[in-house]
């Protein structure tokens, strides 16, 4: 995450925080339409993470190496999560799409998560 107010004249800057929890390339990032500090990231590792940059520095659970700012981790997909969208009527519900069955010719899967 970068603070655009601290970029140099060439548009170069150092990140103020690096959100690390995926084990493969991130495919999609979206800000929550209801809470300005919350965003989601989905990746080729089959995981959808929900982050809150206001929670950086707080522990996220009983882990030995907590991911700072991680609110929720959905790992119900078996293959890469290629897209996700926030529910317009319920701010804590997300629908995610993966290529779970692409290798067998069956298409992908759609999952609804409420956290």
N, C-alpha and C. Protein backbone atom coordinates (compact mmCIF):
# COMPACT_ATOMS: atom_id res chain seq x y z
N UNK A 1 0.85 -1.15 0.00
CA UNK A 1 0.00 0.00 0.00
C UNK A 1 0.91 1.23 0.00
N UNK A 2 0.57 2.17 -0.85
CA UNK A 2 1.34 3.41 -0.97
C UNK A 2 0.50 4.60 -0.54
N UNK A 3 1.15 5.60 0.01
CA UNK A 3 0.51 6.87 0.31
C UNK A 3 0.90 7.83 -0.81
N UNK A 4 -0.05 8.17 -1.67
CA UNK A 4 0.25 9.02 -2.83
C UNK A 4 0.76 10.40 -2.44
N UNK A 5 0.51 10.82 -1.23
CA UNK A 5 0.99 12.14 -0.78
C UNK A 5 2.50 12.14 -0.57
N UNK A 6 3.10 10.96 -0.46
CA UNK A 6 4.54 10.86 -0.18
C UNK A 6 5.36 10.36 -1.36
N UNK A 7 4.83 10.44 -2.57
CA UNK A 7 5.58 10.04 -3.75
C UNK A 7 6.53 11.15 -4.17
N UNK A 8 7.61 10.76 -4.83
CA UNK A 8 8.56 11.75 -5.35
C UNK A 8 7.97 12.38 -6.62
N UNK A 9 8.67 13.33 -7.17
CA UNK A 9 8.23 13.97 -8.41
C UNK A 9 8.12 13.00 -9.57
N UNK A 10 8.88 11.91 -9.51
CA UNK A 10 8.82 10.89 -10.56
C UNK A 10 7.73 9.85 -10.30
N UNK A 11 6.95 10.05 -9.23
CA UNK A 11 5.89 9.10 -8.90
C UNK A 11 6.38 7.84 -8.23
N UNK A 12 7.57 7.90 -7.64
CA UNK A 12 8.16 6.74 -6.97
C UNK A 12 8.01 6.91 -5.46
N UNK A 13 7.74 5.83 -4.79
CA UNK A 13 7.62 5.88 -3.34
C UNK A 13 7.83 4.52 -2.72
N UNK A 14 7.94 4.50 -1.43
CA UNK A 14 8.08 3.25 -0.69
C UNK A 14 6.72 2.86 -0.12
N UNK A 15 6.43 1.57 -0.09
CA UNK A 15 5.14 1.16 0.47
C UNK A 15 5.08 1.47 1.96
N UNK A 16 3.89 1.85 2.43
CA UNK A 16 3.71 2.07 3.86
C UNK A 16 3.36 0.75 4.56
N UNK A 17 2.87 -0.22 3.79
CA UNK A 17 2.62 -1.56 4.33
C UNK A 17 2.49 -2.54 3.16
N UNK A 18 2.97 -3.75 3.37
CA UNK A 18 2.83 -4.82 2.38
C UNK A 18 1.92 -5.88 3.00
N UNK A 19 0.79 -6.13 2.37
CA UNK A 19 -0.17 -7.12 2.84
C UNK A 19 0.23 -8.48 2.28
N UNK A 20 0.68 -9.37 3.17
CA UNK A 20 1.19 -10.67 2.73
C UNK A 20 0.39 -11.80 3.36
N UNK A 21 -0.23 -12.62 2.50
CA UNK A 21 -0.90 -13.81 2.98
C UNK A 21 -1.15 -14.80 1.86
N UNK A 22 -1.14 -14.34 0.62
CA UNK A 22 -1.34 -15.24 -0.52
C UNK A 22 -0.06 -16.01 -0.81
N UNK A 23 -0.23 -17.21 -1.33
CA UNK A 23 0.91 -18.06 -1.69
C UNK A 23 1.15 -18.09 -3.20
N UNK A 24 0.37 -17.32 -3.96
CA UNK A 24 0.50 -17.26 -5.42
C UNK A 24 0.08 -15.87 -5.88
N UNK A 25 0.14 -15.65 -7.18
CA UNK A 25 -0.14 -14.33 -7.75
C UNK A 25 -1.55 -13.85 -7.43
N UNK A 26 -1.66 -12.58 -7.06
CA UNK A 26 -2.96 -11.95 -6.81
C UNK A 26 -3.59 -11.60 -8.15
N UNK A 27 -4.88 -11.95 -8.29
CA UNK A 27 -5.59 -11.73 -9.55
C UNK A 27 -6.59 -10.59 -9.49
N UNK A 28 -7.10 -10.27 -8.30
CA UNK A 28 -8.14 -9.24 -8.19
C UNK A 28 -8.03 -8.55 -6.83
N UNK A 29 -8.19 -7.24 -6.84
CA UNK A 29 -8.23 -6.43 -5.61
C UNK A 29 -9.38 -5.45 -5.76
N UNK A 30 -10.23 -5.35 -4.72
CA UNK A 30 -11.36 -4.42 -4.76
C UNK A 30 -11.58 -3.82 -3.37
N UNK A 31 -11.84 -2.52 -3.36
CA UNK A 31 -12.20 -1.84 -2.12
C UNK A 31 -13.65 -2.12 -1.78
N UNK A 32 -13.96 -2.20 -0.49
CA UNK A 32 -15.34 -2.34 -0.04
C UNK A 32 -16.10 -1.06 -0.35
N UNK A 33 -17.32 -1.18 -0.87
CA UNK A 33 -18.10 0.03 -1.13
C UNK A 33 -18.70 0.63 0.13
N UNK A 34 -18.62 -0.09 1.26
CA UNK A 34 -19.26 0.36 2.49
C UNK A 34 -18.30 0.81 3.59
N UNK A 35 -17.06 0.35 3.56
CA UNK A 35 -16.09 0.73 4.60
C UNK A 35 -14.78 1.07 3.90
N UNK A 36 -14.38 2.31 4.00
CA UNK A 36 -13.26 2.83 3.21
C UNK A 36 -11.91 2.19 3.55
N UNK A 37 -11.77 1.56 4.70
CA UNK A 37 -10.49 0.96 5.07
C UNK A 37 -10.41 -0.53 4.71
N UNK A 38 -11.49 -1.09 4.19
CA UNK A 38 -11.56 -2.53 3.92
C UNK A 38 -11.45 -2.82 2.43
N UNK A 39 -10.64 -3.83 2.09
CA UNK A 39 -10.54 -4.28 0.70
C UNK A 39 -10.34 -5.79 0.67
N UNK A 40 -10.58 -6.37 -0.49
CA UNK A 40 -10.40 -7.80 -0.66
C UNK A 40 -9.35 -8.09 -1.71
N UNK A 41 -8.75 -9.27 -1.62
CA UNK A 41 -7.79 -9.73 -2.63
C UNK A 41 -8.03 -11.21 -2.87
N UNK A 42 -8.03 -11.59 -4.15
CA UNK A 42 -8.15 -13.00 -4.51
C UNK A 42 -6.95 -13.39 -5.35
N UNK A 43 -6.63 -14.69 -5.35
CA UNK A 43 -5.37 -15.10 -5.97
C UNK A 43 -5.44 -16.49 -6.59
N UNK A 44 -4.34 -16.82 -7.26
CA UNK A 44 -4.18 -18.14 -7.88
C UNK A 44 -4.08 -19.26 -6.85
N UNK A 45 -3.90 -18.91 -5.57
CA UNK A 45 -3.83 -19.93 -4.52
C UNK A 45 -5.21 -20.42 -4.07
N UNK A 46 -6.29 -19.91 -4.67
CA UNK A 46 -7.64 -20.33 -4.32
C UNK A 46 -8.21 -19.66 -3.10
N UNK A 47 -7.60 -18.57 -2.67
CA UNK A 47 -7.98 -17.89 -1.43
C UNK A 47 -8.51 -16.49 -1.73
N UNK A 48 -9.54 -16.11 -0.98
CA UNK A 48 -10.06 -14.74 -0.97
C UNK A 48 -9.81 -14.18 0.42
N UNK A 49 -9.03 -13.11 0.51
CA UNK A 49 -8.73 -12.46 1.78
C UNK A 49 -9.45 -11.13 1.87
N UNK A 50 -9.93 -10.81 3.07
CA UNK A 50 -10.53 -9.50 3.34
C UNK A 50 -9.63 -8.82 4.36
N UNK A 51 -9.22 -7.61 4.03
CA UNK A 51 -8.25 -6.85 4.83
C UNK A 51 -8.87 -5.55 5.33
N UNK A 52 -8.34 -5.05 6.45
CA UNK A 52 -8.69 -3.72 6.95
C UNK A 52 -7.38 -3.01 7.28
N UNK A 53 -7.04 -2.00 6.48
CA UNK A 53 -5.74 -1.34 6.71
C UNK A 53 -5.73 -0.53 8.00
N UNK A 54 -6.90 -0.29 8.62
CA UNK A 54 -6.93 0.35 9.94
C UNK A 54 -6.52 -0.62 11.05
N UNK A 55 -6.48 -1.92 10.75
CA UNK A 55 -6.13 -2.94 11.74
C UNK A 55 -4.66 -3.34 11.68
N UNK A 56 -3.86 -2.67 10.89
CA UNK A 56 -2.44 -3.00 10.82
C UNK A 56 -1.83 -2.84 12.21
N UNK A 57 -1.11 -3.86 12.63
CA UNK A 57 -0.50 -3.83 13.96
C UNK A 57 -1.27 -4.64 14.98
N UNK A 58 -2.53 -5.00 14.66
CA UNK A 58 -3.33 -5.82 15.57
C UNK A 58 -3.20 -7.28 15.16
N UNK A 59 -3.24 -8.18 16.13
CA UNK A 59 -3.18 -9.61 15.84
C UNK A 59 -4.51 -10.05 15.25
N UNK A 60 -4.46 -10.98 14.28
CA UNK A 60 -5.67 -11.42 13.60
C UNK A 60 -6.22 -12.74 14.14
N UNK A 61 -5.59 -13.35 15.10
CA UNK A 61 -6.09 -14.61 15.63
C UNK A 61 -4.98 -15.39 16.30
N UNK A 62 -5.26 -16.66 16.65
CA UNK A 62 -4.29 -17.47 17.38
C UNK A 62 -3.23 -18.08 16.46
N UNK A 63 -2.58 -17.28 15.68
CA UNK A 63 -1.54 -17.76 14.77
C UNK A 63 -0.18 -17.33 15.29
N UNK A 64 0.84 -18.10 14.96
CA UNK A 64 2.18 -17.72 15.39
C UNK A 64 2.71 -16.57 14.54
N UNK A 65 2.23 -16.45 13.30
CA UNK A 65 2.65 -15.36 12.42
C UNK A 65 1.40 -14.72 11.81
N UNK A 66 0.71 -13.89 12.56
CA UNK A 66 -0.54 -13.32 12.04
C UNK A 66 -0.28 -12.36 10.88
N UNK A 67 -1.19 -12.36 9.92
CA UNK A 67 -1.12 -11.40 8.82
C UNK A 67 -1.78 -10.11 9.31
N UNK A 68 -1.01 -9.06 9.38
CA UNK A 68 -1.52 -7.80 9.91
C UNK A 68 -2.63 -7.25 9.02
N UNK A 69 -3.76 -6.93 9.64
CA UNK A 69 -4.88 -6.36 8.94
C UNK A 69 -5.83 -7.37 8.33
N UNK A 70 -5.54 -8.67 8.44
CA UNK A 70 -6.40 -9.69 7.85
C UNK A 70 -7.66 -9.87 8.71
N UNK A 71 -8.83 -9.64 8.10
CA UNK A 71 -10.11 -9.81 8.81
C UNK A 71 -10.71 -11.19 8.58
N UNK A 72 -10.58 -11.69 7.36
CA UNK A 72 -11.28 -12.92 6.97
C UNK A 72 -10.51 -13.60 5.85
N UNK A 73 -10.47 -14.92 5.90
CA UNK A 73 -9.79 -15.70 4.86
C UNK A 73 -10.74 -16.80 4.41
N UNK A 74 -11.19 -16.73 3.16
CA UNK A 74 -12.06 -17.77 2.59
C UNK A 74 -11.22 -18.68 1.72
N UNK A 75 -11.11 -19.94 2.11
CA UNK A 75 -10.29 -20.88 1.35
C UNK A 75 -11.11 -22.08 0.89
N UNK A 76 -12.36 -21.84 0.52
CA UNK A 76 -13.25 -22.92 0.10
C UNK A 76 -13.13 -23.31 -1.36
N UNK A 77 -12.41 -22.55 -2.15
CA UNK A 77 -12.23 -22.89 -3.57
C UNK A 77 -11.08 -23.88 -3.74
N UNK A 78 -11.15 -24.68 -4.79
CA UNK A 78 -10.10 -25.66 -5.07
C UNK A 78 -9.10 -25.18 -6.12
N UNK A 79 -9.38 -24.05 -6.75
CA UNK A 79 -8.48 -23.51 -7.78
C UNK A 79 -8.49 -21.99 -7.66
N UNK A 80 -7.82 -21.31 -8.55
CA UNK A 80 -7.65 -19.86 -8.47
C UNK A 80 -8.98 -19.12 -8.42
N UNK A 81 -9.04 -18.10 -7.58
CA UNK A 81 -10.22 -17.24 -7.47
C UNK A 81 -9.99 -16.08 -8.43
N UNK A 82 -10.74 -16.10 -9.54
CA UNK A 82 -10.48 -15.15 -10.62
C UNK A 82 -11.21 -13.83 -10.45
N UNK A 83 -12.28 -13.80 -9.63
CA UNK A 83 -13.02 -12.55 -9.44
C UNK A 83 -13.88 -12.67 -8.19
N UNK A 84 -14.28 -11.53 -7.66
CA UNK A 84 -15.22 -11.48 -6.54
C UNK A 84 -15.90 -10.12 -6.55
N UNK A 85 -17.08 -10.06 -5.92
CA UNK A 85 -17.83 -8.80 -5.85
C UNK A 85 -18.51 -8.70 -4.50
N UNK A 86 -18.59 -7.47 -4.00
CA UNK A 86 -19.28 -7.16 -2.75
C UNK A 86 -20.78 -7.10 -3.03
N UNK A 87 -21.59 -7.58 -2.09
CA UNK A 87 -23.04 -7.50 -2.21
C UNK A 87 -23.48 -6.06 -1.94
N UNK A 88 -24.27 -5.50 -2.84
CA UNK A 88 -24.72 -4.11 -2.71
C UNK A 88 -25.70 -3.91 -1.56
N UNK A 89 -26.35 -4.99 -1.11
CA UNK A 89 -27.37 -4.86 -0.06
C UNK A 89 -26.92 -5.38 1.30
N UNK A 90 -25.82 -6.12 1.34
CA UNK A 90 -25.28 -6.64 2.59
C UNK A 90 -23.77 -6.45 2.56
N UNK A 91 -23.25 -5.46 3.29
CA UNK A 91 -21.83 -5.10 3.17
C UNK A 91 -20.84 -6.19 3.57
N UNK A 92 -21.26 -7.22 4.27
CA UNK A 92 -20.33 -8.27 4.69
C UNK A 92 -20.58 -9.59 3.97
N UNK A 93 -21.19 -9.51 2.79
CA UNK A 93 -21.40 -10.69 1.96
C UNK A 93 -20.70 -10.49 0.62
N UNK A 94 -19.96 -11.51 0.20
CA UNK A 94 -19.18 -11.44 -1.04
C UNK A 94 -19.45 -12.70 -1.86
N UNK A 95 -19.52 -12.54 -3.16
CA UNK A 95 -19.61 -13.68 -4.06
C UNK A 95 -18.26 -13.80 -4.77
N UNK A 96 -17.73 -15.02 -4.83
CA UNK A 96 -16.43 -15.25 -5.47
C UNK A 96 -16.56 -16.32 -6.55
N UNK A 97 -15.72 -16.19 -7.57
CA UNK A 97 -15.75 -17.08 -8.73
C UNK A 97 -14.37 -17.70 -8.91
N UNK A 98 -14.36 -19.01 -9.12
CA UNK A 98 -13.07 -19.68 -9.34
C UNK A 98 -13.14 -20.60 -10.55
N UNK A 99 -11.99 -21.06 -10.97
CA UNK A 99 -11.87 -21.99 -12.09
C UNK A 99 -11.78 -23.43 -11.59
N UNK A 100 -12.49 -23.77 -10.52
CA UNK A 100 -12.40 -25.09 -9.89
C UNK A 100 -12.53 -26.25 -10.86
N UNK A 101 -13.48 -26.19 -11.76
CA UNK A 101 -13.76 -27.32 -12.63
C UNK A 101 -13.27 -27.11 -14.06
N UNK A 102 -12.48 -26.08 -14.28
CA UNK A 102 -12.01 -25.78 -15.63
C UNK A 102 -11.16 -26.92 -16.20
N UNK A 103 -10.35 -27.55 -15.36
CA UNK A 103 -9.46 -28.61 -15.83
C UNK A 103 -10.23 -29.85 -16.30
N UNK A 104 -11.45 -30.05 -15.78
CA UNK A 104 -12.27 -31.19 -16.20
C UNK A 104 -13.28 -30.82 -17.26
N UNK A 105 -13.24 -29.57 -17.72
CA UNK A 105 -14.16 -29.11 -18.75
C UNK A 105 -15.52 -28.72 -18.22
N UNK A 106 -15.65 -28.61 -16.91
CA UNK A 106 -16.95 -28.32 -16.31
C UNK A 106 -17.19 -26.87 -15.96
N UNK A 107 -16.24 -25.98 -16.23
CA UNK A 107 -16.42 -24.58 -15.88
C UNK A 107 -15.98 -24.28 -14.47
N UNK A 108 -16.38 -23.14 -13.96
CA UNK A 108 -15.96 -22.71 -12.63
C UNK A 108 -17.05 -22.87 -11.60
N UNK A 109 -16.77 -22.38 -10.38
CA UNK A 109 -17.76 -22.41 -9.31
C UNK A 109 -17.96 -21.01 -8.77
N UNK A 110 -19.13 -20.80 -8.21
CA UNK A 110 -19.52 -19.53 -7.60
C UNK A 110 -19.81 -19.82 -6.14
N UNK A 111 -19.22 -19.04 -5.23
CA UNK A 111 -19.47 -19.24 -3.80
C UNK A 111 -19.86 -17.92 -3.16
N UNK A 112 -20.77 -17.99 -2.20
CA UNK A 112 -21.20 -16.82 -1.45
C UNK A 112 -20.65 -16.95 -0.03
N UNK A 113 -19.98 -15.90 0.44
CA UNK A 113 -19.38 -15.91 1.78
C UNK A 113 -19.93 -14.74 2.58
N UNK A 114 -20.29 -15.01 3.81
CA UNK A 114 -20.73 -13.97 4.73
C UNK A 114 -19.80 -14.02 5.93
N UNK A 115 -19.17 -12.91 6.25
CA UNK A 115 -18.22 -12.90 7.35
C UNK A 115 -18.54 -11.83 8.34
